[in-house]
Amino acid sequence: MPKAPCTIILAAGKGTRMHSESTPKVCFPVNGVPAIVRAMRSYAAAGVRQFVVVVGTLAEQVMKTVGAEFPNCVYAFQPEQNGTAGAVASAMAGNTMLADDDDVLIAAGDRLIDQEVLEQFLARHRTSGAALSLANFAKLMFFDRRFINPDITMPVAATICNCVVPS
């Protein structure tokens, strides 16, 4: 049985498009549950056991929101919002819980991925032998059909074409 991947969750953004200076984007509720918690539930149900949440703006609120349901989370602080690579570098700095050959899932804290889609994606990655697998979501994210594209021609394991927001 393969080792469960670690997930680095990007939650350091300001969320300026949400027009709130007091609530980070990842903490806004989706059907009554903060987006980041809903996403982490899906990852946990798909087998993820380790979480590194990258925080920045309003870090305390993100940590309180996540910690209420996931108390064993590890947090990394991203002092400057300088993109995904900067967030991942913050997560990896001084991180001793990951081995060089561990699988790492990098996901935005406000992206909701259906458990079944995530399970398919992780399984496809594990069986492909690829060093990198990318998930490519359609801009319209409210479809009822979920699948992994088996006809991919790039040197990655899989793309996810559609996503469902769970009810």
Foldseek 3Di string as FASTA:
>chain_A
DDAAFEEEEEQADCCVVVVDNQDGQQQDDDVHARQLCLQVVLSVVLPHDAYEYEHERVRVVVCVSNCVPPVPYHYFYQDDCDDDVSSVCRSPVVDDPDDPPGDYHYYYSNDHAHSVLVNVQVVQQVVLPAPAAEEDEDPDADDPDWDWDPPDDDRHRTYTYHGHDDD
